Amino acid sequence: MPDRWIQKTIKRKSRKYKPRGKGALTAEAERHGMTVSQFIKHVTKNPDKYNKITKQRVNLAKTLIKLSKRKSKKSNKTKKSKKSKK
């Protein structure tokens, strides 16, 4: 439940009823000739070179990466506990 605010933020639509910012970070990373993870590291090291929106997108991407890692760890733990019970 506490992670629902992220889902709502991502699904929020702009005036033209298209998902806001969908693929924007990937497109910007490709324009700079980097992968998304490389671009995240680059923006983190050089925040003064990028505008506010790009920094916000990078921070959201970092948050989503952390959440997905946590969820995968939890699912691995539950799978191991189910196997040990059998």
PDB file of N, CA and C in Angstrom:
ATOM      1  N   MET A   1       0.794  -1.209   0.000  1.00  0.00           N
ATOM      2  CA  MET A   1       0.000   0.000   0.000  1.00  0.00           C
ATOM      3  C   MET A   1       0.842   1.280   0.000  1.00  0.00           C
ATOM      4  N   PRO A   2       1.951   1.356   0.760  1.00  0.00           N
ATOM      5  CA  PRO A   2       2.675   2.627   0.801  1.00  0.00           C
ATOM      6  C   PRO A   2       3.306   2.999  -0.532  1.00  0.00           C
ATOM      7  N   ASP A   3       3.451   2.057  -1.453  1.00  0.00           N
ATOM      8  CA  ASP A   3       4.083   2.350  -2.733  1.00  0.00           C
ATOM      9  C   ASP A   3       3.088   2.823  -3.787  1.00  0.00           C
ATOM     10  N   ARG A   4       1.824   2.948  -3.455  1.00  0.00           N
ATOM     11  CA  ARG A   4       0.805   3.316  -4.438  1.00  0.00           C
ATOM     12  C   ARG A   4       0.975   4.742  -4.954  1.00  0.00           C
ATOM     13  N   TRP A   5       1.564   5.638  -4.175  1.00  0.00           N
ATOM     14  CA  TRP A   5       1.727   7.012  -4.627  1.00  0.00           C
ATOM     15  C   TRP A   5       2.614   7.063  -5.860  1.00  0.00           C
ATOM     16  N   ILE A   6       3.561   6.146  -5.953  1.00  0.00           N
ATOM     17  CA  ILE A   6       4.444   6.104  -7.114  1.00  0.00           C
ATOM     18  C   ILE A   6       3.652   5.679  -8.344  1.00  0.00           C
ATOM     19  N   GLN A   7       2.815   4.672  -8.202  1.00  0.00           N
ATOM     20  CA  GLN A   7       2.005   4.212  -9.328  1.00  0.00           C
ATOM     21  C   GLN A   7       1.069   5.314  -9.817  1.00  0.00           C
ATOM     22  N   LYS A   8       0.471   6.045  -8.902  1.00  0.00           N
ATOM     23  CA  LYS A   8      -0.424   7.128  -9.280  1.00  0.00           C
ATOM     24  C   LYS A   8       0.338   8.237  -9.994  1.00  0.00           C
ATOM     25  N   THR A   9       1.542   8.534  -9.531  1.00  0.00           N
ATOM     26  CA  THR A   9       2.355   9.578 -10.149  1.00  0.00           C
ATOM     27  C   THR A   9       2.737   9.201 -11.567  1.00  0.00           C
ATOM     28  N   ILE A  10       3.104   7.976 -11.780  1.00  0.00           N
ATOM     29  CA  ILE A  10       3.515   7.521 -13.097  1.00  0.00           C
ATOM     30  C   ILE A  10       2.329   7.517 -14.064  1.00  0.00           C
ATOM     31  N   LYS A  11       1.158   7.122 -13.590  1.00  0.00           N
ATOM     32  CA  LYS A  11      -0.010   7.016 -14.456  1.00  0.00           C
ATOM     33  C   LYS A  11      -0.704   8.358 -14.702  1.00  0.00           C
ATOM     34  N   ARG A  12      -0.341   9.384 -13.938  1.00  0.00           N
ATOM     35  CA  ARG A  12      -0.996  10.679 -14.081  1.00  0.00           C
ATOM     36  C   ARG A  12      -0.817  11.194 -15.507  1.00  0.00           C
ATOM     37  N   LYS A  13      -1.854  11.822 -16.028  1.00  0.00           N
ATOM     38  CA  LYS A  13      -1.823  12.244 -17.422  1.00  0.00           C
ATOM     39  C   LYS A  13      -1.686  13.761 -17.544  1.00  0.00           C
ATOM     40  N   SER A  14      -1.156  14.188 -18.664  1.00  0.00           N
ATOM     41  CA  SER A  14      -1.009  15.610 -18.931  1.00  0.00           C
ATOM     42  C   SER A  14      -2.284  16.152 -19.564  1.00  0.00           C
ATOM     43  N   ARG A  15      -2.238  17.387 -20.032  1.00  0.00           N
ATOM     44  CA  ARG A  15      -3.411  18.014 -20.631  1.00  0.00           C
ATOM     45  C   ARG A  15      -3.869  17.290 -21.892  1.00  0.00           C
ATOM     46  N   LYS A  16      -2.934  16.714 -22.611  1.00  0.00           N
ATOM     47  CA  LYS A  16      -3.279  16.042 -23.860  1.00  0.00           C
ATOM     48  C   LYS A  16      -3.655  14.581 -23.636  1.00  0.00           C
ATOM     49  N   TYR A  17      -3.831  14.172 -22.396  1.00  0.00           N
ATOM     50  CA  TYR A  17      -4.249  12.836 -22.010  1.00  0.00           C
ATOM     51  C   TYR A  17      -3.283  11.743 -22.449  1.00  0.00           C
ATOM     52  N   LYS A  18      -2.024  12.069 -22.455  1.00  0.00           N
ATOM     53  CA  LYS A  18      -0.995  11.068 -22.693  1.00  0.00           C
ATOM     54  C   LYS A  18      -0.217  10.917 -21.393  1.00  0.00           C
ATOM     55  N   PRO A  19       0.296   9.726 -21.120  1.00  0.00           N
ATOM     56  CA  PRO A  19       1.092   9.576 -19.901  1.00  0.00           C
ATOM     57  C   PRO A  19       2.247  10.567 -19.899  1.00  0.00           C
ATOM     58  N   ARG A  20       2.399  11.252 -18.801  1.00  0.00           N
ATOM     59  CA  ARG A  20       3.399  12.299 -18.695  1.00  0.00           C
ATOM     60  C   ARG A  20       4.786  11.704 -18.531  1.00  0.00           C
ATOM     61  N   GLY A  21       5.703  12.070 -19.382  1.00  0.00           N
ATOM     62  CA  GLY A  21       7.092  11.699 -19.231  1.00  0.00           C
ATOM     63  C   GLY A  21       7.418  10.250 -19.521  1.00  0.00           C
ATOM     64  N   LYS A  22       6.514   9.521 -20.133  1.00  0.00           N
ATOM     65  CA  LYS A  22       6.768   8.110 -20.374  1.00  0.00           C
ATOM     66  C   LYS A  22       7.891   7.969 -21.400  1.00  0.00           C
ATOM     67  N   GLY A  23       8.989   7.350 -20.998  1.00  0.00           N
ATOM     68  CA  GLY A  23      10.125   7.147 -21.879  1.00  0.00           C
ATOM     69  C   GLY A  23      11.030   8.356 -22.028  1.00  0.00           C
ATOM     70  N   ALA A  24      10.772   9.414 -21.292  1.00  0.00           N
ATOM     71  CA  ALA A  24      11.541  10.644 -21.435  1.00  0.00           C
ATOM     72  C   ALA A  24      12.978  10.473 -20.961  1.00  0.00           C
ATOM     73  N   LEU A  25      13.172   9.763 -19.873  1.00  0.00           N
ATOM     74  CA  LEU A  25      14.527   9.566 -19.357  1.00  0.00           C
ATOM     75  C   LEU A  25      15.334   8.689 -20.305  1.00  0.00           C
ATOM     76  N   THR A  26      14.711   7.672 -20.847  1.00  0.00           N
ATOM     77  CA  THR A  26      15.385   6.793 -21.804  1.00  0.00           C
ATOM     78  C   THR A  26      15.776   7.574 -23.058  1.00  0.00           C
ATOM     79  N   ALA A  27      14.863   8.399 -23.548  1.00  0.00           N
ATOM     80  CA  ALA A  27      15.144   9.194 -24.747  1.00  0.00           C
ATOM     81  C   ALA A  27      16.286  10.169 -24.505  1.00  0.00           C
ATOM     82  N   GLU A  28      16.288  10.797 -23.350  1.00  0.00           N
ATOM     83  CA  GLU A  28      17.362  11.745 -23.036  1.00  0.00           C
ATOM     84  C   GLU A  28      18.705  11.038 -22.884  1.00  0.00           C
ATOM     85  N   ALA A  29      18.680   9.861 -22.294  1.00  0.00           N
ATOM     86  CA  ALA A  29      19.913   9.084 -22.154  1.00  0.00           C
ATOM     87  C   ALA A  29      20.458   8.698 -23.528  1.00  0.00           C
ATOM     88  N   GLU A  30      19.570   8.304 -24.424  1.00  0.00           N
ATOM     89  CA  GLU A  30      19.997   7.927 -25.774  1.00  0.00           C
ATOM     90  C   GLU A  30      20.548   9.125 -26.539  1.00  0.00           C
ATOM     91  N   ARG A  31      19.973  10.309 -26.323  1.00  0.00           N
ATOM     92  CA  ARG A  31      20.489  11.511 -26.981  1.00  0.00           C
ATOM     93  C   ARG A  31      21.917  11.816 -26.540  1.00  0.00           C
ATOM     94  N   HIS A  32      22.224  11.463 -25.296  1.00  0.00           N
ATOM     95  CA  HIS A  32      23.574  11.674 -24.762  1.00  0.00           C
ATOM     96  C   HIS A  32      24.494  10.495 -25.053  1.00  0.00           C
ATOM     97  N   GLY A  33      23.974   9.481 -25.722  1.00  0.00           N
ATOM     98  CA  GLY A  33      24.781   8.329 -26.087  1.00  0.00           C
ATOM     99  C   GLY A  33      25.109   7.409 -24.930  1.00  0.00           C
ATOM    100  N   MET A  34      24.177   7.284 -23.991  1.00  0.00           N
ATOM    101  CA  MET A  34      24.391   6.452 -22.801  1.00  0.00           C
ATOM    102  C   MET A  34      23.182   5.548 -22.579  1.00  0.00           C
ATOM    103  N   THR A  35      23.396   4.539 -21.739  1.00  0.00           N
ATOM    104  CA  THR A  35      22.272   3.748 -21.267  1.00  0.00           C
ATOM    105  C   THR A  35      21.613   4.522 -20.126  1.00  0.00           C
ATOM    106  N   VAL A  36      20.463   4.048 -19.689  1.00  0.00           N
ATOM    107  CA  VAL A  36      19.757   4.751 -18.616  1.00  0.00           C
ATOM    108  C   VAL A  36      20.578   4.725 -17.324  1.00  0.00           C
ATOM    109  N   SER A  37      21.160   3.577 -16.998  1.00  0.00           N
ATOM    110  CA  SER A  37      21.939   3.491 -15.753  1.00  0.00           C
ATOM    111  C   SER A  37      23.180   4.382 -15.812  1.00  0.00           C
ATOM    112  N   GLN A  38      23.823   4.463 -16.968  1.00  0.00           N
ATOM    113  CA  GLN A  38      24.978   5.349 -17.111  1.00  0.00           C
ATOM    114  C   GLN A  38      24.547   6.802 -16.978  1.00  0.00           C
ATOM    115  N   PHE A  39      23.403   7.135 -17.575  1.00  0.00           N
ATOM    116  CA  PHE A  39      22.900   8.502 -17.511  1.00  0.00           C
ATOM    117  C   PHE A  39      22.524   8.883 -16.087  1.00  0.00           C
ATOM    118  N   ILE A  40      21.950   7.947 -15.343  1.00  0.00           N
ATOM    119  CA  ILE A  40      21.602   8.214 -13.942  1.00  0.00           C
ATOM    120  C   ILE A  40      22.860   8.547 -13.152  1.00  0.00           C
ATOM    121  N   LYS A  41      23.910   7.766 -13.333  1.00  0.00           N
ATOM    122  CA  LYS A  41      25.169   8.029 -12.632  1.00  0.00           C
ATOM    123  C   LYS A  41      25.761   9.365 -13.043  1.00  0.00           C
ATOM    124  N   HIS A  42      25.684   9.681 -14.329  1.00  0.00           N
ATOM    125  CA  HIS A  42      26.243  10.934 -14.835  1.00  0.00           C
ATOM    126  C   HIS A  42      25.508  12.145 -14.256  1.00  0.00           C
ATOM    127  N   VAL A  43      24.187  12.091 -14.243  1.00  0.00           N
ATOM    128  CA  VAL A  43      23.396  13.202 -13.709  1.00  0.00           C
ATOM    129  C   VAL A  43      23.617  13.343 -12.204  1.00  0.00           C
ATOM    130  N   THR A  44      23.762  12.222 -11.511  1.00  0.00           N
ATOM    131  CA  THR A  44      24.003  12.263 -10.071  1.00  0.00           C
ATOM    132  C   THR A  44      25.337  12.938  -9.759  1.00  0.00           C
ATOM    133  N   LYS A  45      26.348  12.672 -10.588  1.00  0.00           N
ATOM    134  CA  LYS A  45      27.663  13.276 -10.370  1.00  0.00           C
ATOM    135  C   LYS A  45      27.724  14.733 -10.830  1.00  0.00           C
ATOM    136  N   ASN A  46      26.910  15.113 -11.806  1.00  0.00           N
ATOM    137  CA  ASN A  46      26.934  16.465 -12.368  1.00  0.00           C
ATOM    138  C   ASN A  46      25.541  17.101 -12.366  1.00  0.00           C
ATOM    139  N   PRO A  47      24.939  17.310 -11.197  1.00  0.00           N
ATOM    140  CA  PRO A  47      23.560  17.813 -11.175  1.00  0.00           C
ATOM    141  C   PRO A  47      23.423  19.254 -11.675  1.00  0.00           C
ATOM    142  N   ASP A  48      24.485  20.043 -11.596  1.00  0.00           N
ATOM    143  CA  ASP A  48      24.397  21.436 -12.020  1.00  0.00           C
ATOM    144  C   ASP A  48      24.280  21.590 -13.535  1.00  0.00           C
ATOM    145  N   LYS A  49      24.595  20.551 -14.290  1.00  0.00           N
ATOM    146  CA  LYS A  49      24.515  20.607 -15.752  1.00  0.00           C
ATOM    147  C   LYS A  49      23.111  20.312 -16.289  1.00  0.00           C
ATOM    148  N   TYR A  50      22.203  19.839 -15.435  1.00  0.00           N
ATOM    149  CA  TYR A  50      20.884  19.399 -15.892  1.00  0.00           C
ATOM    150  C   TYR A  50      19.781  20.187 -15.217  1.00  0.00           C
ATOM    151  N   ASN A  51      18.644  20.274 -15.895  1.00  0.00           N
ATOM    152  CA  ASN A  51      17.526  21.039 -15.349  1.00  0.00           C
ATOM    153  C   ASN A  51      16.786  20.247 -14.261  1.00  0.00           C
ATOM    154  N   LYS A  52      15.858  20.924 -13.648  1.00  0.00           N
ATOM    155  CA  LYS A  52      15.127  20.366 -12.504  1.00  0.00           C
ATOM    156  C   LYS A  52      14.347  19.102 -12.875  1.00  0.00           C
ATOM    157  N   ILE A  53      13.697  19.120 -14.025  1.00  0.00           N
ATOM    158  CA  ILE A  53      12.863  17.979 -14.417  1.00  0.00           C
ATOM    159  C   ILE A  53      13.708  16.729 -14.637  1.00  0.00           C
ATOM    160  N   THR A  54      14.855  16.885 -15.271  1.00  0.00           N
ATOM    161  CA  THR A  54      15.741  15.739 -15.499  1.00  0.00           C
ATOM    162  C   THR A  54      16.201  15.157 -14.166  1.00  0.00           C
ATOM    163  N   LYS A  55      16.557  16.015 -13.222  1.00  0.00           N
ATOM    164  CA  LYS A  55      16.981  15.530 -11.902  1.00  0.00           C
ATOM    165  C   LYS A  55      15.840  14.811 -11.193  1.00  0.00           C
ATOM    166  N   GLN A  56      14.610  15.294 -11.356  1.00  0.00           N
ATOM    167  CA  GLN A  56      13.466  14.625 -10.742  1.00  0.00           C
ATOM    168  C   GLN A  56      13.233  13.253 -11.368  1.00  0.00           C
ATOM    169  N   ARG A  57      13.383  13.175 -12.683  1.00  0.00           N
ATOM    170  CA  ARG A  57      13.224  11.889 -13.363  1.00  0.00           C
ATOM    171  C   ARG A  57      14.279  10.886 -12.891  1.00  0.00           C
ATOM    172  N   VAL A  58      15.499  11.373 -12.729  1.00  0.00           N
ATOM    173  CA  VAL A  58      16.581  10.508 -12.251  1.00  0.00           C
ATOM    174  C   VAL A  58      16.291  10.018 -10.840  1.00  0.00           C
ATOM    175  N   ASN A  59      15.823  10.907  -9.985  1.00  0.00           N
ATOM    176  CA  ASN A  59      15.501  10.509  -8.612  1.00  0.00           C
ATOM    177  C   ASN A  59      14.367   9.493  -8.579  1.00  0.00           C
ATOM    178  N   LEU A  60      13.356   9.668  -9.433  1.00  0.00           N
ATOM    179  CA  LEU A  60      12.265   8.703  -9.501  1.00  0.00           C
ATOM    180  C   LEU A  60      12.780   7.352  -9.991  1.00  0.00           C
ATOM    181  N   ALA A  61      13.638   7.368 -10.992  1.00  0.00           N
ATOM    182  CA  ALA A  61      14.209   6.115 -11.507  1.00  0.00           C
ATOM    183  C   ALA A  61      15.003   5.398 -10.420  1.00  0.00           C
ATOM    184  N   LYS A  62      15.788   6.136  -9.650  1.00  0.00           N
ATOM    185  CA  LYS A  62      16.546   5.528  -8.544  1.00  0.00           C
ATOM    186  C   LYS A  62      15.606   4.893  -7.526  1.00  0.00           C
ATOM    187  N   THR A  63      14.521   5.601  -7.203  1.00  0.00           N
ATOM    188  CA  THR A  63      13.553   5.089  -6.234  1.00  0.00           C
ATOM    189  C   THR A  63      12.908   3.808  -6.747  1.00  0.00           C
ATOM    190  N   LEU A  64      12.506   3.797  -8.008  1.00  0.00           N
ATOM    191  CA  LEU A  64      11.865   2.614  -8.576  1.00  0.00           C
ATOM    192  C   LEU A  64      12.831   1.433  -8.635  1.00  0.00           C
ATOM    193  N   ILE A  65      14.081   1.698  -8.915  1.00  0.00           N
ATOM    194  CA  ILE A  65      15.084   0.621  -8.939  1.00  0.00           C
ATOM    195  C   ILE A  65      15.237   0.025  -7.543  1.00  0.00           C
ATOM    196  N   LYS A  66      15.309   0.886  -6.531  1.00  0.00           N
ATOM    197  CA  LYS A  66      15.431   0.397  -5.157  1.00  0.00           C
ATOM    198  C   LYS A  66      14.215  -0.439  -4.749  1.00  0.00           C
ATOM    199  N   LEU A  67      13.020   0.047  -5.117  1.00  0.00           N
ATOM    200  CA  LEU A  67      11.809  -0.691  -4.768  1.00  0.00           C
ATOM    201  C   LEU A  67      11.760  -2.051  -5.448  1.00  0.00           C
ATOM    202  N   SER A  68      12.172  -2.103  -6.699  1.00  0.00           N
ATOM    203  CA  SER A  68      12.138  -3.392  -7.404  1.00  0.00           C
ATOM    204  C   SER A  68      13.141  -4.365  -6.807  1.00  0.00           C
ATOM    205  N   LYS A  69      14.275  -3.859  -6.338  1.00  0.00           N
ATOM    206  CA  LYS A  69      15.257  -4.736  -5.686  1.00  0.00           C
ATOM    207  C   LYS A  69      14.705  -5.273  -4.366  1.00  0.00           C
ATOM    208  N   ARG A  70      14.021  -4.416  -3.624  1.00  0.00           N
ATOM    209  CA  ARG A  70      13.427  -4.857  -2.354  1.00  0.00           C
ATOM    210  C   ARG A  70      12.377  -5.930  -2.588  1.00  0.00           C
ATOM    211  N   LYS A  71      11.538  -5.712  -3.590  1.00  0.00           N
ATOM    212  CA  LYS A  71      10.476  -6.678  -3.879  1.00  0.00           C
ATOM    213  C   LYS A  71      11.051  -8.008  -4.326  1.00  0.00           C
ATOM    214  N   SER A  72      12.111  -7.965  -5.110  1.00  0.00           N
ATOM    215  CA  SER A  72      12.713  -9.221  -5.567  1.00  0.00           C
ATOM    216  C   SER A  72      13.356  -9.968  -4.404  1.00  0.00           C
ATOM    217  N   LYS A  73      13.939  -9.237  -3.460  1.00  0.00           N
ATOM    218  CA  LYS A  73      14.521  -9.890  -2.277  1.00  0.00           C
ATOM    219  C   LYS A  73      13.425 -10.544  -1.438  1.00  0.00           C
ATOM    220  N   LYS A  74      12.300  -9.832  -1.287  1.00  0.00           N
ATOM    221  CA  LYS A  74      11.200 -10.383  -0.502  1.00  0.00           C
ATOM    222  C   LYS A  74      10.629 -11.624  -1.162  1.00  0.00           C
ATOM    223  N   SER A  75      10.476 -11.589  -2.472  1.00  0.00           N
ATOM    224  CA  SER A  75       9.910 -12.746  -3.162  1.00  0.00           C
ATOM    225  C   SER A  75      10.863 -13.936  -3.102  1.00  0.00           C
ATOM    226  N   ASN A  76      12.160 -13.692  -3.136  1.00  0.00           N
ATOM    227  CA  ASN A  76      13.127 -14.777  -3.004  1.00  0.00           C
ATOM    228  C   ASN A  76      13.068 -15.403  -1.620  1.00  0.00           C
ATOM    229  N   LYS A  77      12.884 -14.575  -0.599  1.00  0.00           N
ATOM    230  CA  LYS A  77      12.791 -15.091   0.765  1.00  0.00           C
ATOM    231  C   LYS A  77      11.542 -15.947   0.940  1.00  0.00           C
ATOM    232  N   THR A  78      10.411 -15.511   0.367  1.00  0.00           N
ATOM    233  CA  THR A  78       9.181 -16.292   0.517  1.00  0.00           C
ATOM    234  C   THR A  78       9.274 -17.599  -0.247  1.00  0.00           C
ATOM    235  N   LYS A  79       9.940 -17.604  -1.391  1.00  0.00           N
ATOM    236  CA  LYS A  79      10.104 -18.841  -2.156  1.00  0.00           C
ATOM    237  C   LYS A  79      10.974 -19.826  -1.383  1.00  0.00           C
ATOM    238  N   LYS A  80      12.022 -19.332  -0.734  1.00  0.00           N
ATOM    239  CA  LYS A  80      12.906 -20.207   0.045  1.00  0.00           C
ATOM    240  C   LYS A  80      12.180 -20.753   1.253  1.00  0.00           C
ATOM    241  N   SER A  81      11.366 -19.930   1.910  1.00  0.00           N
ATOM    242  CA  SER A  81      10.649 -20.407   3.091  1.00  0.00           C
ATOM    243  C   SER A  81       9.595 -21.447   2.719  1.00  0.00           C
ATOM    244  N   LYS A  82       8.972 -21.292   1.542  1.00  0.00           N
ATOM    245  CA  LYS A  82       7.982 -22.275   1.106  1.00  0.00           C
ATOM    246  C   LYS A  82       8.650 -23.607   0.790  1.00  0.00           C
ATOM    247  N   LYS A  83       9.836 -23.571   0.209  1.00  0.00           N
ATOM    248  CA  LYS A  83      10.554 -24.788  -0.107  1.00  0.00           C
ATOM    249  C   LYS A  83      10.997 -25.510   1.166  1.00  0.00           C
ATOM    250  N   SER A  84      11.397 -24.758   2.164  1.00  0.00           N
ATOM    251  CA  SER A  84      11.856 -25.374   3.422  1.00  0.00           C
ATOM    252  C   SER A  84      10.701 -26.009   4.189  1.00  0.00           C
ATOM    253  N   LYS A  85       9.485 -25.506   4.032  1.00  0.00           N
ATOM    254  CA  LYS A  85       8.327 -26.065   4.715  1.00  0.00           C
ATOM    255  C   LYS A  85       7.919 -27.414   4.135  1.00  0.00           C
ATOM    256  N   LYS A  86       8.199 -27.632   2.852  1.00  0.00           N
ATOM    257  CA  LYS A  86       7.812 -28.886   2.201  1.00  0.00           C
ATOM    258  C   LYS A  86       8.692 -29.984   2.597  1.00  0.00           C
TER     259      LYS A  86
END
